[in-house]
Each structure stands twice: as structure tokens, then as C-alpha cells.
C-alpha atoms as a PDB file:
ATOM      1  CA  MET A   1     -25.797  -5.025  -3.077  1.00  0.00           C
ATOM      2  CA  LEU A   2     -24.999  -8.449  -4.600  1.00  0.00           C
ATOM      3  CA  PRO A   3     -27.614 -11.739  -4.234  1.00  0.00           C
ATOM      4  CA  MET A   4     -26.202 -13.960  -1.662  1.00  0.00           C
ATOM      5  CA  ASN A   5     -25.350 -16.356  -4.639  1.00  0.00           C
ATOM      6  CA  LYS A   6     -23.211 -14.174  -6.439  1.00  0.00           C
ATOM      7  CA  ALA A   7     -21.521 -12.733  -3.161  1.00  0.00           C
ATOM      8  CA  LEU A   8     -20.378 -15.950  -2.014  1.00  0.00           C
ATOM      9  CA  ILE A   9     -19.185 -16.730  -6.018  1.00  0.00           C
ATOM     10  CA  LEU A  10     -17.164 -13.485  -5.664  1.00  0.00           C
ATOM     11  CA  VAL A  11     -15.724 -14.718  -2.267  1.00  0.00           C
ATOM     12  CA  ALA A  12     -14.681 -18.406  -3.772  1.00  0.00           C
ATOM     13  CA  VAL A  13     -13.080 -16.375  -6.838  1.00  0.00           C
ATOM     14  CA  ILE A  14     -11.106 -14.660  -4.908  1.00  0.00           C
ATOM     15  CA  ALA A  15     -10.452 -16.490  -2.149  1.00  0.00           C
ATOM     16  CA  LEU A  16      -8.840 -19.234  -4.923  1.00  0.00           C
ATOM     17  CA  VAL A  17      -6.951 -16.364  -7.142  1.00  0.00           C
ATOM     18  CA  THR A  18      -5.747 -15.505  -3.394  1.00  0.00           C
ATOM     19  CA  PHE A  19      -4.580 -19.201  -2.873  1.00  0.00           C
ATOM     20  CA  ALA A  20      -2.934 -19.332  -6.466  1.00  0.00           C
ATOM     21  CA  THR A  21      -0.646 -16.637  -6.100  1.00  0.00           C
ATOM     22  CA  ARG A  22       1.096 -17.814  -2.962  1.00  0.00           C
ATOM     23  CA  VAL A  23       1.567 -21.286  -4.391  1.00  0.00           C
ATOM     24  CA  LEU A  24       2.353 -20.380  -7.734  1.00  0.00           C
ATOM     25  CA  PRO A  25       5.723 -19.423  -6.617  1.00  0.00           C
ATOM     26  CA  PHE A  26       6.206 -23.301  -4.649  1.00  0.00           C
ATOM     27  CA  LEU A  27       5.539 -24.515  -7.579  1.00  0.00           C
ATOM     28  CA  ILE A  28       7.578 -22.734  -9.837  1.00  0.00           C
ATOM     29  CA  PHE A  29      10.765 -22.785  -7.451  1.00  0.00           C
ATOM     30  CA  PRO A  30      10.510 -25.727  -5.560  1.00  0.00           C
ATOM     31  CA  GLY A  31      12.750 -26.039  -2.664  1.00  0.00           C
ATOM     32  CA  ASN A  32      15.820 -27.701  -4.107  1.00  0.00           C
ATOM     33  CA  LYS A  33      16.369 -25.391  -6.868  1.00  0.00           C
ATOM     34  CA  LYS A  34      17.771 -21.955  -6.357  1.00  0.00           C
ATOM     35  CA  THR A  35      15.798 -18.652  -6.890  1.00  0.00           C
ATOM     36  CA  PRO A  36      17.065 -16.899 -10.556  1.00  0.00           C
ATOM     37  CA  PRO A  37      18.989 -13.707  -9.872  1.00  0.00           C
ATOM     38  CA  PHE A  38      16.676 -12.032 -11.676  1.00  0.00           C
ATOM     39  CA  VAL A  39      13.221 -13.233  -9.293  1.00  0.00           C
ATOM     40  CA  ALA A  40      15.643 -12.242  -6.218  1.00  0.00           C
ATOM     41  CA  TYR A  41      16.194  -8.674  -7.869  1.00  0.00           C
ATOM     42  CA  LEU A  42      12.793  -8.030  -8.446  1.00  0.00           C
ATOM     43  CA  GLY A  43      11.732  -9.189  -4.283  1.00  0.00           C
ATOM     44  CA  ASN A  44      14.019  -6.719  -3.255  1.00  0.00           C
ATOM     45  CA  VAL A  45      13.396  -3.848  -5.620  1.00  0.00           C
ATOM     46  CA  LEU A  46       9.455  -4.349  -6.178  1.00  0.00           C
ATOM     47  CA  PRO A  47       8.441  -2.996  -3.135  1.00  0.00           C
ATOM     48  CA  TYR A  48       9.800   0.310  -3.292  1.00  0.00           C
ATOM     49  CA  ALA A  49       8.808   0.548  -6.878  1.00  0.00           C
ATOM     50  CA  VAL A  50       5.034  -0.092  -5.276  1.00  0.00           C
ATOM     51  CA  MET A  51       5.458   2.525  -2.559  1.00  0.00           C
ATOM     52  CA  GLY A  52       6.552   5.031  -5.121  1.00  0.00           C
ATOM     53  CA  MET A  53       3.749   4.595  -7.013  1.00  0.00           C
ATOM     54  CA  LEU A  54       1.189   4.768  -4.379  1.00  0.00           C
ATOM     55  CA  VAL A  55       2.168   8.088  -2.747  1.00  0.00           C
ATOM     56  CA  VAL A  56       2.208   9.242  -7.067  1.00  0.00           C
ATOM     57  CA  TYR A  57      -1.020   8.133  -6.625  1.00  0.00           C
ATOM     58  CA  CYS A  58      -2.316   9.457  -3.691  1.00  0.00           C
ATOM     59  CA  LEU A  59      -0.880  12.865  -4.755  1.00  0.00           C
ATOM     60  CA  LYS A  60      -2.084  12.662  -8.067  1.00  0.00           C
ATOM     61  CA  SER A  61      -5.353  14.500  -6.931  1.00  0.00           C
ATOM     62  CA  VAL A  62      -3.302  17.457  -5.097  1.00  0.00           C
ATOM     63  CA  ASN A  63      -3.916  21.363  -6.584  1.00  0.00           C
ATOM     64  CA  PRO A  64      -1.544  23.469  -4.674  1.00  0.00           C
ATOM     65  CA  LEU A  65      -3.091  26.453  -6.345  1.00  0.00           C
ATOM     66  CA  THR A  66      -6.700  26.081  -4.450  1.00  0.00           C
ATOM     67  CA  ALA A  67      -7.077  25.676  -0.273  1.00  0.00           C
ATOM     68  CA  PRO A  68      -5.993  23.772   2.013  1.00  0.00           C
ATOM     69  CA  TYR A  69      -2.679  23.942  -1.332  1.00  0.00           C
ATOM     70  CA  GLY A  70      -2.028  20.173  -0.293  1.00  0.00           C
ATOM     71  CA  LEU A  71      -1.183  20.851   3.659  1.00  0.00           C
ATOM     72  CA  PRO A  72      -2.848  17.653   4.960  1.00  0.00           C
ATOM     73  CA  GLU A  73      -0.675  15.414   2.672  1.00  0.00           C
ATOM     74  CA  LEU A  74       2.182  17.533   3.163  1.00  0.00           C
ATOM     75  CA  ILE A  75       2.039  17.283   7.011  1.00  0.00           C
ATOM     76  CA  SER A  76       1.012  13.701   6.554  1.00  0.00           C
ATOM     77  CA  ILE A  77       3.887  12.712   4.388  1.00  0.00           C
ATOM     78  CA  VAL A  78       6.195  14.408   7.007  1.00  0.00           C
ATOM     79  CA  LEU A  79       4.685  13.028   9.661  1.00  0.00           C
ATOM     80  CA  VAL A  80       5.392   9.368   7.472  1.00  0.00           C
ATOM     81  CA  ILE A  81       8.964  10.046   7.204  1.00  0.00           C
ATOM     82  CA  VAL A  82       9.822  11.255  10.791  1.00  0.00           C
ATOM     83  CA  ALA A  83       8.216   8.680  12.789  1.00  0.00           C
ATOM     84  CA  HIS A  84       9.349   6.070  10.555  1.00  0.00           C
ATOM     85  CA  LYS A  85      13.091   7.426  10.650  1.00  0.00           C
ATOM     86  CA  TRP A  86      12.391   7.790  14.382  1.00  0.00           C
ATOM     87  CA  LYS A  87      11.077   4.486  15.356  1.00  0.00           C
ATOM     88  CA  HIS A  88      11.687   2.400  11.823  1.00  0.00           C
ATOM     89  CA  ASN A  89       8.505   0.724  12.674  1.00  0.00           C
ATOM     90  CA  LEU A  90       6.378   0.525   9.124  1.00  0.00           C
ATOM     91  CA  LEU A  91       3.033  -0.139  11.326  1.00  0.00           C
ATOM     92  CA  LEU A  92       3.332   3.178  13.408  1.00  0.00           C
ATOM     93  CA  SER A  93       4.766   5.589  10.377  1.00  0.00           C
ATOM     94  CA  ILE A  94       1.491   4.250   8.027  1.00  0.00           C
ATOM     95  CA  ALA A  95      -0.866   4.143  10.420  1.00  0.00           C
ATOM     96  CA  GLY A  96       0.274   7.675  12.161  1.00  0.00           C
ATOM     97  CA  GLY A  97       0.451   9.101   8.943  1.00  0.00           C
ATOM     98  CA  THR A  98      -3.144   7.865   8.032  1.00  0.00           C
ATOM     99  CA  VAL A  99      -4.840   9.163  11.245  1.00  0.00           C
ATOM    100  CA  VAL A 100      -2.965  12.387  10.983  1.00  0.00           C
ATOM    101  CA  TYR A 101      -4.475  12.413   7.410  1.00  0.00           C
ATOM    102  CA  MET A 102      -7.864  11.694   8.533  1.00  0.00           C
ATOM    103  CA  PHE A 103      -7.679  14.260  11.448  1.00  0.00           C
ATOM    104  CA  LEU A 104      -6.746  17.074   8.976  1.00  0.00           C
ATOM    105  CA  ILE A 105      -8.894  16.603   6.230  1.00  0.00           C
ATOM    106  CA  GLN A 106     -11.777  15.945   8.568  1.00  0.00           C
ATOM    107  CA  VAL A 107     -11.564  18.475  11.488  1.00  0.00           C
ATOM    108  CA  VAL A 108      -8.892  20.982  10.688  1.00  0.00           C
ATOM    109  CA  PHE A 109      -9.076  21.302   6.766  1.00  0.00           C
ATOM    110  CA  ALA A 110     -13.018  20.821   6.922  1.00  0.00           C
END
């Protein structure tokens, strides 16, 4: 556990960096300038790229040759896709998939 003074410094640095990343775009692109097309393009494609990267990261340690053969992950992925196609609610899809996955690995495939 961190001493209190180091913990406070850490929280202050994290808060400062978070604030800076939120303010920086407004300083670089003030309201009277048009956002460059490249930045707008990145704003459209990066969320999908990040989600793809997270899926790959989450599935990197799955071994289909040993029990449970990736079944909890597969079931959760299918549930997320079905829930999202059904309700078009990102929070429901992600939270539902996470809850089902945790139930599967802690109760069903334990």
C-alpha cells in the first residue's frame, strides 16, 4: 500500500493528465476553426479499432485445446452480439456479457 503523500501525488498527476487530455483538443482546434478531415476520420474509426483490439486482448489467453475450450468466452461473445442486435444498447450488451462471463467462469466452469 502506498503512503498517503505518494497516493495523493499519484491521484493529482492522474487528474492533471486526464484534465489535459480533455482540454487539449479545444486548445488545438478552437471553435472558430474547422476540424481537419484526418482528425474527423480518426474520430470515426478509432472506437471500432479500440474495441477490436480489446477483443483480441481478451481472447489472447484462450486455449481451445484445454478445458473449458473457450466456451465461456464464446458464449459471452455470442450473448453480447445478440443483445446488441436486439436492443442496440451498448451498456446492456457489455454489462450483460460481462455478468454472464463471470457467472460462467466462477460457477458453471469452475
